[in-house]
Amino acid sequence: MIDTREKQPYAFDSERVGMVRRALPAGDYSLAGHETEVAVERKSLADLLGTLTRGRRRFKAELKRLATYRFAAVVVEANFRDALTGNYNSQLKPNALIGSVMSITLDHGIPVFWLGDRQAAVAFTEWYLARCHEILKREGTSNE
């Protein structure tokens, strides 16, 4: 499932992950029937910087919701090296950016995956959702 607010949705292999657009309670991608327990939040580096500065309050609320999910992840379409070296267009200092990202994982329990670019992020997200589906199916909680 793809959130209707996602402006540049990923295209997945429809054999592995269905692509239905629907407003999701949290995240940009999920599995049908598991919208409140599986989510992937996608961020370009510019988007991440924006949500950690101008959109911080809204993003913290999103993280609070995602923290209640069984499977949640933040996928960043950038290299961690860009964060380390400040190779981005923002007043946010690298230490503040990295500290905020560490907070997502350590304070909210949501892993952050730096995938390098959009193509790798698409592949990772597809694999992540497919694996979540396999786990839910094995447990008998999948709607398939």
Protein backbone atom coordinates (compact mmCIF):
# COMPACT_ATOMS: atom_id res chain seq x y z
CA MET A 1 0.00 0.00 0.00
CA ILE A 2 1.13 3.51 -0.77
CA ASP A 3 -0.01 6.55 1.16
CA THR A 4 -2.06 8.96 -0.93
CA ARG A 5 0.12 11.84 0.31
CA GLU A 6 3.26 10.26 -1.14
CA LYS A 7 4.24 12.62 -3.98
CA GLN A 8 6.74 10.38 -5.77
CA PRO A 9 5.62 6.83 -4.99
CA TYR A 10 7.90 3.89 -5.44
CA ALA A 11 7.09 1.38 -8.16
CA PHE A 12 7.34 -2.18 -6.86
CA ASP A 13 7.22 -5.56 -8.53
CA SER A 14 3.47 -6.21 -8.34
CA GLU A 15 4.14 -9.94 -7.92
CA ARG A 16 5.84 -9.23 -4.57
CA VAL A 17 4.12 -6.13 -3.22
CA GLY A 18 0.69 -4.84 -4.21
CA MET A 19 0.40 -1.16 -5.01
CA VAL A 20 -2.87 0.26 -3.75
CA ARG A 21 -3.05 3.95 -2.87
CA ARG A 22 -4.82 4.74 0.36
CA ALA A 23 -4.40 7.23 3.19
CA LEU A 24 -2.24 5.50 5.78
CA PRO A 25 -2.30 6.37 9.50
CA ALA A 26 1.51 6.55 9.52
CA GLY A 27 4.34 5.97 7.08
CA ASP A 28 4.39 6.02 3.31
CA TYR A 29 4.22 2.28 2.60
CA SER A 30 2.44 -0.60 4.32
CA LEU A 31 0.68 -3.91 3.76
CA ALA A 32 -3.06 -4.18 3.17
CA GLY A 33 -4.80 -5.23 6.36
CA HIS A 34 -1.73 -4.36 8.44
CA GLU A 35 -1.74 -0.58 8.14
CA THR A 36 -1.35 -0.11 11.89
CA GLU A 37 1.45 -2.62 12.38
CA VAL A 38 3.69 -2.35 9.28
CA ALA A 39 5.06 0.89 7.85
CA VAL A 40 8.01 2.33 6.01
CA GLU A 41 8.58 6.07 6.11
CA ARG A 42 10.52 7.26 3.04
CA LYS A 43 12.77 10.31 3.18
CA SER A 44 15.03 11.98 0.69
CA LEU A 45 17.84 13.79 2.48
CA ALA A 46 16.19 17.15 1.79
CA ASP A 47 12.89 15.84 3.16
CA LEU A 48 14.60 14.43 6.25
CA LEU A 49 16.29 17.77 6.90
CA GLY A 50 12.97 19.57 6.49
CA THR A 51 11.12 17.27 8.86
CA LEU A 52 13.87 17.62 11.46
CA THR A 53 13.70 21.41 11.31
CA ARG A 54 10.50 23.04 10.00
CA GLY A 55 8.32 19.92 10.33
CA ARG A 56 9.73 18.60 13.58
CA ARG A 57 6.48 18.64 15.57
CA ARG A 58 4.56 16.74 12.89
CA PHE A 59 7.42 14.27 12.40
CA LYS A 60 7.66 13.58 16.14
CA ALA A 61 3.94 12.78 16.15
CA GLU A 62 4.51 10.44 13.19
CA LEU A 63 7.37 8.72 15.02
CA LYS A 64 5.20 8.31 18.10
CA ARG A 65 2.61 6.47 15.98
CA LEU A 66 5.25 4.38 14.21
CA ALA A 67 6.80 3.39 17.54
CA THR A 68 3.62 1.44 18.31
CA TYR A 69 3.94 -0.63 15.12
CA ARG A 70 5.40 -4.09 15.12
CA PHE A 71 7.40 -3.41 11.95
CA ALA A 72 8.43 0.17 11.23
CA ALA A 73 11.42 1.66 9.49
CA VAL A 74 12.66 4.95 8.11
CA VAL A 75 14.36 4.67 4.73
CA VAL A 76 16.67 7.51 3.70
CA GLU A 77 17.56 7.94 0.03
CA ALA A 78 21.06 9.20 0.82
CA ASN A 79 24.45 8.12 2.14
CA PHE A 80 25.26 8.49 5.80
CA ARG A 81 28.54 10.07 4.68
CA ASP A 82 26.53 13.06 3.40
CA ALA A 83 25.18 13.54 6.92
CA LEU A 84 28.63 13.17 8.46
CA THR A 85 30.26 15.68 6.14
CA GLY A 86 27.40 18.16 5.95
CA ASN A 87 27.04 17.54 2.22
CA TYR A 88 23.52 18.98 2.08
CA ASN A 89 21.75 22.31 1.78
CA SER A 90 20.58 23.20 5.29
CA GLN A 91 21.59 25.23 8.31
CA LEU A 92 21.31 22.06 10.40
CA LYS A 93 24.76 21.03 11.57
CA PRO A 94 25.93 17.43 11.01
CA ASN A 95 26.02 16.71 14.76
CA ALA A 96 22.41 17.87 15.14
CA LEU A 97 21.30 15.83 12.12
CA ILE A 98 23.04 12.69 13.33
CA GLY A 99 21.77 13.20 16.88
CA SER A 100 18.21 13.53 15.61
CA VAL A 101 18.55 10.40 13.49
CA MET A 102 20.00 8.48 16.44
CA SER A 103 16.99 9.59 18.47
CA ILE A 104 14.66 8.01 15.92
CA THR A 105 16.30 4.65 16.56
CA LEU A 106 17.27 4.88 20.21
CA ASP A 107 14.35 6.88 21.64
CA HIS A 108 11.58 5.62 19.37
CA GLY A 109 12.90 2.14 18.52
CA ILE A 110 12.57 2.69 14.77
CA PRO A 111 15.55 1.69 12.64
CA VAL A 112 16.83 4.18 10.10
CA PHE A 113 18.33 2.75 6.93
CA TRP A 114 20.63 4.95 4.82
CA LEU A 115 20.30 3.38 1.38
CA GLY A 116 22.42 5.68 -0.76
CA ASP A 117 19.89 6.52 -3.45
CA ARG A 118 16.29 6.13 -4.51
CA GLN A 119 16.84 2.95 -6.52
CA ALA A 120 18.39 1.14 -3.56
CA ALA A 121 15.66 2.49 -1.27
CA VAL A 122 12.94 1.14 -3.59
CA ALA A 123 14.57 -2.31 -3.62
CA PHE A 124 15.06 -2.31 0.15
CA THR A 125 11.49 -1.21 0.84
CA GLU A 126 10.11 -3.90 -1.46
CA TRP A 127 12.20 -6.56 0.29
CA TYR A 128 11.27 -5.22 3.72
CA LEU A 129 7.54 -5.29 3.00
CA ALA A 130 7.76 -8.72 1.38
CA ARG A 131 9.61 -10.08 4.42
CA CYS A 132 7.05 -8.57 6.81
CA HIS A 133 4.33 -10.21 4.74
CA GLU A 134 6.11 -13.59 4.95
CA ILE A 135 6.38 -13.32 8.73
CA LEU A 136 2.72 -12.36 9.12
CA LYS A 137 1.67 -15.15 6.76
CA ARG A 138 3.74 -17.71 8.67
CA GLU A 139 2.11 -16.57 11.91
CA GLY A 140 -1.31 -16.86 10.34
CA THR A 141 -2.05 -13.16 10.74
CA SER A 142 -1.73 -12.23 7.08
CA ASN A 143 -4.96 -11.53 5.24
CA GLU A 144 -3.87 -13.77 2.38
